[in-house]
C-alpha atoms as a PDB file:
ATOM      1  CA  MET A   1    -169.370 -62.469-131.204  1.00  0.00           C
ATOM      2  CA  PRO A   2    -168.161 -60.885-134.504  1.00  0.00           C
ATOM      3  CA  PHE A   3    -168.897 -63.907-136.640  1.00  0.00           C
ATOM      4  CA  SER A   4    -171.614 -66.464-137.218  1.00  0.00           C
ATOM      5  CA  ARG A   5    -171.640 -70.159-136.766  1.00  0.00           C
ATOM      6  CA  ASP A   6    -171.639 -70.595-140.540  1.00  0.00           C
ATOM      7  CA  GLN A   7    -168.657 -68.296-140.983  1.00  0.00           C
ATOM      8  CA  PHE A   8    -166.853 -70.243-138.237  1.00  0.00           C
ATOM      9  CA  PHE A   9    -167.247 -73.604-139.996  1.00  0.00           C
ATOM     10  CA  ALA A  10    -166.541 -72.069-143.387  1.00  0.00           C
ATOM     11  CA  VAL A  11    -163.160 -70.941-142.209  1.00  0.00           C
ATOM     12  CA  PHE A  12    -162.357 -74.479-141.103  1.00  0.00           C
ATOM     13  CA  ALA A  13    -163.413 -75.785-144.532  1.00  0.00           C
ATOM     14  CA  GLN A  14    -161.127 -73.357-146.262  1.00  0.00           C
ATOM     15  CA  TYR A  15    -158.302 -73.925-143.796  1.00  0.00           C
ATOM     16  CA  ASN A  16    -158.336 -77.708-143.987  1.00  0.00           C
ATOM     17  CA  ALA A  17    -158.669 -77.774-147.754  1.00  0.00           C
ATOM     18  CA  GLU A  18    -155.771 -75.299-148.362  1.00  0.00           C
ATOM     19  CA  MET A  19    -153.496 -76.602-145.653  1.00  0.00           C
ATOM     20  CA  TRP A  20    -153.735 -80.327-146.524  1.00  0.00           C
ATOM     21  CA  PRO A  21    -152.048 -82.565-145.427  1.00  0.00           C
ATOM     22  CA  MET A  22    -151.532 -80.664-142.173  1.00  0.00           C
ATOM     23  CA  PRO A  23    -154.254 -82.719-140.388  1.00  0.00           C
ATOM     24  CA  ILE A  24    -152.264 -85.933-141.108  1.00  0.00           C
ATOM     25  CA  ALA A  25    -149.038 -84.221-140.019  1.00  0.00           C
ATOM     26  CA  GLY A  26    -150.789 -83.277-136.781  1.00  0.00           C
ATOM     27  CA  TYR A  27    -151.713 -86.792-135.982  1.00  0.00           C
ATOM     28  CA  VAL A  28    -148.206 -88.035-136.796  1.00  0.00           C
ATOM     29  CA  ILE A  29    -146.797 -85.445-134.397  1.00  0.00           C
ATOM     30  CA  GLY A  30    -149.301 -86.287-131.696  1.00  0.00           C
ATOM     31  CA  LEU A  31    -148.571 -90.016-131.953  1.00  0.00           C
ATOM     32  CA  LEU A  32    -144.885 -89.386-131.798  1.00  0.00           C
ATOM     33  CA  ALA A  33    -145.397 -87.362-128.579  1.00  0.00           C
ATOM     34  CA  VAL A  34    -147.448 -90.100-127.033  1.00  0.00           C
ATOM     35  CA  GLY A  35    -144.957 -92.734-128.032  1.00  0.00           C
ATOM     36  CA  LEU A  36    -142.102 -90.805-126.447  1.00  0.00           C
ATOM     37  CA  LEU A  37    -144.006 -90.977-123.093  1.00  0.00           C
ATOM     38  CA  PHE A  38    -143.035 -94.623-122.960  1.00  0.00           C
ATOM     39  CA  TRP A  39    -139.336 -93.856-123.419  1.00  0.00           C
ATOM     40  CA  GLU A  40    -138.155 -92.040-120.294  1.00  0.00           C
ATOM     41  CA  SER A  41    -134.943 -90.242-121.297  1.00  0.00           C
ATOM     42  CA  ARG A  42    -133.315 -86.876-121.597  1.00  0.00           C
ATOM     43  CA  ALA A  43    -134.019 -87.023-125.416  1.00  0.00           C
ATOM     44  CA  SER A  44    -137.784 -87.598-124.915  1.00  0.00           C
ATOM     45  CA  ALA A  45    -137.890 -84.724-122.359  1.00  0.00           C
ATOM     46  CA  ILE A  46    -136.670 -82.409-125.104  1.00  0.00           C
ATOM     47  CA  MET A  47    -138.585 -83.869-127.976  1.00  0.00           C
ATOM     48  CA  ILE A  48    -142.005 -83.893-126.403  1.00  0.00           C
ATOM     49  CA  PRO A  49    -142.174 -80.154-125.719  1.00  0.00           C
ATOM     50  CA  THR A  50    -140.710 -79.584-129.262  1.00  0.00           C
ATOM     51  CA  LEU A  51    -143.407 -81.594-130.819  1.00  0.00           C
ATOM     52  CA  LEU A  52    -146.077 -79.722-128.892  1.00  0.00           C
ATOM     53  CA  ALA A  53    -144.444 -76.429-129.926  1.00  0.00           C
ATOM     54  CA  ALA A  54    -144.786 -77.459-133.566  1.00  0.00           C
ATOM     55  CA  LEU A  55    -148.486 -77.940-133.068  1.00  0.00           C
ATOM     56  CA  TRP A  56    -148.869 -74.535-131.522  1.00  0.00           C
ATOM     57  CA  ILE A  57    -146.907 -72.925-134.261  1.00  0.00           C
ATOM     58  CA  ALA A  58    -149.214 -74.419-136.817  1.00  0.00           C
ATOM     59  CA  ASN A  59    -152.286 -73.218-134.941  1.00  0.00           C
ATOM     60  CA  GLY A  60    -150.939 -69.771-134.347  1.00  0.00           C
ATOM     61  CA  ALA A  61    -149.207 -68.932-137.622  1.00  0.00           C
ATOM     62  CA  GLY A  62    -151.597 -71.002-139.723  1.00  0.00           C
ATOM     63  CA  TYR A  63    -155.097 -71.020-138.326  1.00  0.00           C
ATOM     64  CA  HIS A  64    -155.226 -67.878-136.181  1.00  0.00           C
ATOM     65  CA  ALA A  65    -153.103 -65.499-138.201  1.00  0.00           C
ATOM     66  CA  ILE A  66    -154.211 -66.355-141.642  1.00  0.00           C
ATOM     67  CA  TYR A  67    -157.692 -67.811-141.451  1.00  0.00           C
ATOM     68  CA  PHE A  68    -159.481 -66.989-138.219  1.00  0.00           C
ATOM     69  CA  ALA A  69    -158.252 -63.399-138.534  1.00  0.00           C
ATOM     70  CA  GLN A  70    -160.629 -63.087-141.625  1.00  0.00           C
ATOM     71  CA  ILE A  71    -163.640 -63.290-139.414  1.00  0.00           C
ATOM     72  CA  ASN A  72    -162.381 -62.258-135.984  1.00  0.00           C
ATOM     73  CA  PRO A  73    -160.290 -59.041-135.371  1.00  0.00           C
ATOM     74  CA  LEU A  74    -158.799 -60.815-132.348  1.00  0.00           C
ATOM     75  CA  GLY A  75    -157.239 -63.437-134.607  1.00  0.00           C
ATOM     76  CA  PRO A  76    -153.743 -61.769-134.613  1.00  0.00           C
ATOM     77  CA  VAL A  77    -153.877 -61.542-130.821  1.00  0.00           C
ATOM     78  CA  PHE A  78    -154.696 -65.212-130.504  1.00  0.00           C
ATOM     79  CA  ALA A  79    -151.951 -65.931-133.026  1.00  0.00           C
ATOM     80  CA  ALA A  80    -149.405 -64.106-130.823  1.00  0.00           C
ATOM     81  CA  LEU A  81    -150.692 -66.037-127.786  1.00  0.00           C
ATOM     82  CA  PHE A  82    -150.187 -69.401-129.519  1.00  0.00           C
ATOM     83  CA  LEU A  83    -146.768 -68.482-130.878  1.00  0.00           C
ATOM     84  CA  PHE A  84    -145.718 -67.348-127.356  1.00  0.00           C
ATOM     85  CA  GLN A  85    -146.814 -70.739-126.086  1.00  0.00           C
ATOM     86  CA  ALA A  86    -144.861 -72.447-128.808  1.00  0.00           C
ATOM     87  CA  LEU A  87    -141.710 -70.464-127.917  1.00  0.00           C
ATOM     88  CA  PHE A  88    -142.183 -71.244-124.222  1.00  0.00           C
ATOM     89  CA  LEU A  89    -142.550 -74.982-124.987  1.00  0.00           C
ATOM     90  CA  GLY A  90    -139.524 -74.872-127.199  1.00  0.00           C
ATOM     91  CA  VAL A  91    -137.255 -73.393-124.588  1.00  0.00           C
ATOM     92  CA  SER A  92    -138.751 -75.201-121.591  1.00  0.00           C
ATOM     93  CA  PRO A  93    -136.138 -78.010-121.575  1.00  0.00           C
ATOM     94  CA  LEU A  94    -133.387 -75.360-121.273  1.00  0.00           C
ATOM     95  CA  VAL A  95    -135.357 -73.548-118.517  1.00  0.00           C
ATOM     96  CA  TYR A  96    -136.495 -76.489-116.443  1.00  0.00           C
ATOM     97  CA  GLY A  97    -134.054 -79.197-117.504  1.00  0.00           C
ATOM     98  CA  ASP A  98    -135.578 -82.741-117.345  1.00  0.00           C
ATOM     99  CA  MET A  99    -139.317 -82.213-117.236  1.00  0.00           C
ATOM    100  CA  ASN A 100    -139.912 -85.904-116.091  1.00  0.00           C
ATOM    101  CA  PHE A 101    -142.723 -86.863-118.394  1.00  0.00           C
ATOM    102  CA  ARG A 102    -143.857 -90.079-116.873  1.00  0.00           C
ATOM    103  CA  LEU A 103    -146.667 -92.617-117.039  1.00  0.00           C
ATOM    104  CA  ARG A 104    -147.592 -93.834-113.597  1.00  0.00           C
ATOM    105  CA  ARG A 105    -150.381 -95.767-111.940  1.00  0.00           C
ATOM    106  CA  ASP A 106    -152.174 -92.840-110.493  1.00  0.00           C
ATOM    107  CA  ALA A 107    -155.140 -90.526-111.042  1.00  0.00           C
ATOM    108  CA  ARG A 108    -153.093 -87.963-112.804  1.00  0.00           C
ATOM    109  CA  THR A 109    -151.997 -90.466-115.555  1.00  0.00           C
ATOM    110  CA  VAL A 110    -155.515 -91.667-116.006  1.00  0.00           C
ATOM    111  CA  VAL A 111    -156.876 -88.162-116.500  1.00  0.00           C
ATOM    112  CA  ALA A 112    -153.926 -87.234-118.713  1.00  0.00           C
ATOM    113  CA  LEU A 113    -154.344 -90.207-121.031  1.00  0.00           C
ATOM    114  CA  GLY A 114    -158.103 -89.554-121.013  1.00  0.00           C
ATOM    115  CA  LEU A 115    -157.618 -86.045-122.278  1.00  0.00           C
ATOM    116  CA  VAL A 116    -155.149 -87.215-124.930  1.00  0.00           C
ATOM    117  CA  GLY A 117    -157.422 -89.896-126.129  1.00  0.00           C
ATOM    118  CA  PHE A 118    -160.389 -87.470-126.191  1.00  0.00           C
ATOM    119  CA  ALA A 119    -158.470 -84.891-128.210  1.00  0.00           C
ATOM    120  CA  MET A 120    -157.246 -87.422-130.814  1.00  0.00           C
ATOM    121  CA  VAL A 121    -160.181 -89.865-131.055  1.00  0.00           C
ATOM    122  CA  ILE A 122    -163.334 -88.906-129.255  1.00  0.00           C
ATOM    123  CA  TYR A 123    -163.231 -85.134-130.301  1.00  0.00           C
ATOM    124  CA  PRO A 124    -163.386 -85.761-134.090  1.00  0.00           C
ATOM    125  CA  LEU A 125    -165.919 -88.704-133.707  1.00  0.00           C
ATOM    126  CA  TRP A 126    -168.171 -86.530-131.617  1.00  0.00           C
ATOM    127  CA  GLY A 127    -168.018 -83.896-134.333  1.00  0.00           C
ATOM    128  CA  VAL A 128    -169.150 -86.449-136.884  1.00  0.00           C
ATOM    129  CA  LEU A 129    -172.014 -87.562-134.629  1.00  0.00           C
ATOM    130  CA  VAL A 130    -173.343 -84.046-134.438  1.00  0.00           C
ATOM    131  CA  GLY A 131    -173.079 -83.465-138.136  1.00  0.00           C
ATOM    132  CA  HIS A 132    -169.639 -81.715-138.483  1.00  0.00           C
ATOM    133  CA  LEU A 133    -168.276 -83.216-141.663  1.00  0.00           C
ATOM    134  CA  TYR A 134    -164.741 -82.776-143.060  1.00  0.00           C
ATOM    135  CA  PRO A 135    -163.394 -80.341-144.152  1.00  0.00           C
ATOM    136  CA  ALA A 136    -165.731 -77.978-142.299  1.00  0.00           C
ATOM    137  CA  VAL A 137    -164.734 -79.239-138.926  1.00  0.00           C
ATOM    138  CA  PRO A 138    -161.955 -78.584-136.315  1.00  0.00           C
ATOM    139  CA  VAL A 139    -159.327 -81.306-136.599  1.00  0.00           C
ATOM    140  CA  PHE A 140    -156.710 -82.419-134.041  1.00  0.00           C
ATOM    141  CA  GLY A 141    -153.255 -80.918-134.550  1.00  0.00           C
ATOM    142  CA  SER A 142    -154.411 -78.149-136.893  1.00  0.00           C
ATOM    143  CA  ALA A 143    -157.273 -76.823-134.847  1.00  0.00           C
ATOM    144  CA  PRO A 144    -156.715 -74.911-131.625  1.00  0.00           C
ATOM    145  CA  CYS A 145    -159.297 -76.660-129.277  1.00  0.00           C
ATOM    146  CA  PRO A 146    -158.368 -80.334-129.664  1.00  0.00           C
ATOM    147  CA  THR A 147    -154.669 -79.276-129.682  1.00  0.00           C
ATOM    148  CA  THR A 148    -155.093 -77.460-126.486  1.00  0.00           C
ATOM    149  CA  ILE A 149    -156.915 -80.420-124.762  1.00  0.00           C
ATOM    150  CA  PHE A 150    -154.023 -82.729-125.950  1.00  0.00           C
ATOM    151  CA  THR A 151    -151.382 -80.336-124.715  1.00  0.00           C
ATOM    152  CA  ILE A 152    -152.957 -80.158-121.268  1.00  0.00           C
ATOM    153  CA  GLY A 153    -153.080 -83.933-121.157  1.00  0.00           C
ATOM    154  CA  ILE A 154    -149.429 -84.251-122.015  1.00  0.00           C
ATOM    155  CA  LEU A 155    -148.319 -81.578-119.603  1.00  0.00           C
ATOM    156  CA  LEU A 156    -150.177 -83.284-116.766  1.00  0.00           C
ATOM    157  CA  LEU A 157    -147.548 -85.995-116.981  1.00  0.00           C
ATOM    158  CA  ALA A 158    -144.636 -83.501-116.513  1.00  0.00           C
ATOM    159  CA  ASP A 159    -143.082 -82.235-113.356  1.00  0.00           C
ATOM    160  CA  TRP A 160    -145.347 -79.584-111.838  1.00  0.00           C
ATOM    161  CA  THR A 161    -142.531 -77.060-111.499  1.00  0.00           C
ATOM    162  CA  ALA A 162    -142.507 -76.666-115.305  1.00  0.00           C
ATOM    163  CA  ALA A 163    -146.073 -77.724-116.059  1.00  0.00           C
ATOM    164  CA  ARG A 164    -147.817 -75.030-113.911  1.00  0.00           C
ATOM    165  CA  TRP A 165    -146.347 -72.268-116.107  1.00  0.00           C
ATOM    166  CA  LEU A 166    -146.744 -74.134-119.360  1.00  0.00           C
ATOM    167  CA  MET A 167    -150.425 -74.613-118.663  1.00  0.00           C
ATOM    168  CA  VAL A 168    -151.176 -70.899-118.316  1.00  0.00           C
ATOM    169  CA  VAL A 169    -151.786 -70.254-122.070  1.00  0.00           C
ATOM    170  CA  PRO A 170    -153.653 -73.477-122.630  1.00  0.00           C
ATOM    171  CA  GLY A 171    -155.729 -72.615-119.640  1.00  0.00           C
ATOM    172  CA  ILE A 172    -156.583 -69.211-121.040  1.00  0.00           C
ATOM    173  CA  TRP A 173    -157.512 -70.760-124.389  1.00  0.00           C
ATOM    174  CA  ALA A 174    -159.605 -73.426-122.634  1.00  0.00           C
ATOM    175  CA  MET A 175    -161.735 -70.518-121.283  1.00  0.00           C
ATOM    176  CA  ILE A 176    -161.903 -68.707-124.553  1.00  0.00           C
ATOM    177  CA  GLY A 177    -162.399 -71.734-126.795  1.00  0.00           C
ATOM    178  CA  GLY A 178    -164.748 -73.359-124.325  1.00  0.00           C
ATOM    179  CA  SER A 179    -167.304 -70.697-125.083  1.00  0.00           C
ATOM    180  CA  ALA A 180    -167.641 -72.243-128.542  1.00  0.00           C
ATOM    181  CA  ALA A 181    -169.383 -75.211-126.879  1.00  0.00           C
ATOM    182  CA  ILE A 182    -172.246 -72.944-125.889  1.00  0.00           C
ATOM    183  CA  LEU A 183    -172.267 -70.060-128.480  1.00  0.00           C
ATOM    184  CA  LEU A 184    -171.429 -71.984-131.703  1.00  0.00           C
ATOM    185  CA  GLY A 185    -172.908 -75.465-131.048  1.00  0.00           C
ATOM    186  CA  VAL A 186    -169.619 -77.368-130.879  1.00  0.00           C
ATOM    187  CA  PRO A 187    -170.301 -79.796-128.002  1.00  0.00           C
ATOM    188  CA  GLN A 188    -166.974 -81.536-128.245  1.00  0.00           C
ATOM    189  CA  ASP A 189    -165.395 -78.265-127.046  1.00  0.00           C
ATOM    190  CA  TRP A 190    -166.818 -78.987-123.560  1.00  0.00           C
ATOM    191  CA  GLY A 191    -163.627 -81.083-123.318  1.00  0.00           C
ATOM    192  CA  LEU A 192    -161.782 -77.729-122.978  1.00  0.00           C
ATOM    193  CA  LEU A 193    -163.743 -76.874-119.889  1.00  0.00           C
ATOM    194  CA  VAL A 194    -163.107 -80.333-118.505  1.00  0.00           C
ATOM    195  CA  ALA A 195    -159.420 -80.016-119.171  1.00  0.00           C
ATOM    196  CA  LEU A 196    -159.392 -76.608-117.542  1.00  0.00           C
ATOM    197  CA  ALA A 197    -161.107 -78.117-114.457  1.00  0.00           C
ATOM    198  CA  MET A 198    -158.316 -80.779-114.348  1.00  0.00           C
ATOM    199  CA  ILE A 199    -155.667 -78.117-114.267  1.00  0.00           C
ATOM    200  CA  VAL A 200    -157.429 -76.577-111.230  1.00  0.00           C
ATOM    201  CA  VAL A 201    -158.005 -79.874-109.485  1.00  0.00           C
ATOM    202  CA  PHE A 202    -154.338 -80.950-109.784  1.00  0.00           C
ATOM    203  CA  ALA A 203    -152.902 -77.519-109.218  1.00  0.00           C
ATOM    204  CA  ILE A 204    -154.667 -76.343-106.083  1.00  0.00           C
ATOM    205  CA  GLY A 205    -156.652 -79.436-104.921  1.00  0.00           C
ATOM    206  CA  PRO A 206    -155.693 -82.151-102.444  1.00  0.00           C
ATOM    207  CA  LEU A 207    -154.194 -84.272-105.180  1.00  0.00           C
ATOM    208  CA  ARG A 208    -151.466 -81.778-105.985  1.00  0.00           C
ATOM    209  CA  ASP A 209    -148.757 -83.086-103.637  1.00  0.00           C
ATOM    210  CA  ALA A 210    -149.320 -86.678-104.591  1.00  0.00           C
ATOM    211  CA  ALA A 211    -149.918 -86.115-108.296  1.00  0.00           C
ATOM    212  CA  PHE A 212    -147.042 -83.694-108.953  1.00  0.00           C
ATOM    213  CA  ALA A 213    -144.473 -85.001-106.503  1.00  0.00           C
ATOM    214  CA  ARG A 214    -141.077 -84.092-107.773  1.00  0.00           C
ATOM    215  CA  HIS A 215    -139.207 -87.204-108.848  1.00  0.00           C
END
């Protein structure tokens, strides 16, 4: 790894201080996306991917391209990956039409909301419990890992025809970012590996047909 744990958290300290109030904006966007899940309409089917795209733009153009690139030569590559995902999310309503984001009484919805709640609430609290104090800490909406967990949770509530492709980049980042849980002492990033496991379970496991039935 081309950087140390101290460098990793120092970048977040600089990023959060200089990009304020982006963390607040991230939570506003996240809450709007969650709220739209309760409004099943063509408008919400367009707005939810658009809001997710805004988060991925902030992470790609902000964190990866400007800040993470200072300590990791792969920063620009990660930035391109995140911006590609943002573009894909933005055009997904045109490609797939109504993506059918829906809350239902099933295992998929329980898992999806669990990931969303973990990303927005448990992730930052876990960071505090292990001594990660703001601003030297990953924050939902403006940091890649909790944003990825949140995105996977939201996409689990969409039609599988669209969701399977939109989960490719988050799945890749879950594998990359999940290494931080081990190498950098960020235990809350274990949530990435759990989210990745949920993609696999619902994609190729016995729950696929029931959980992602087209409606």
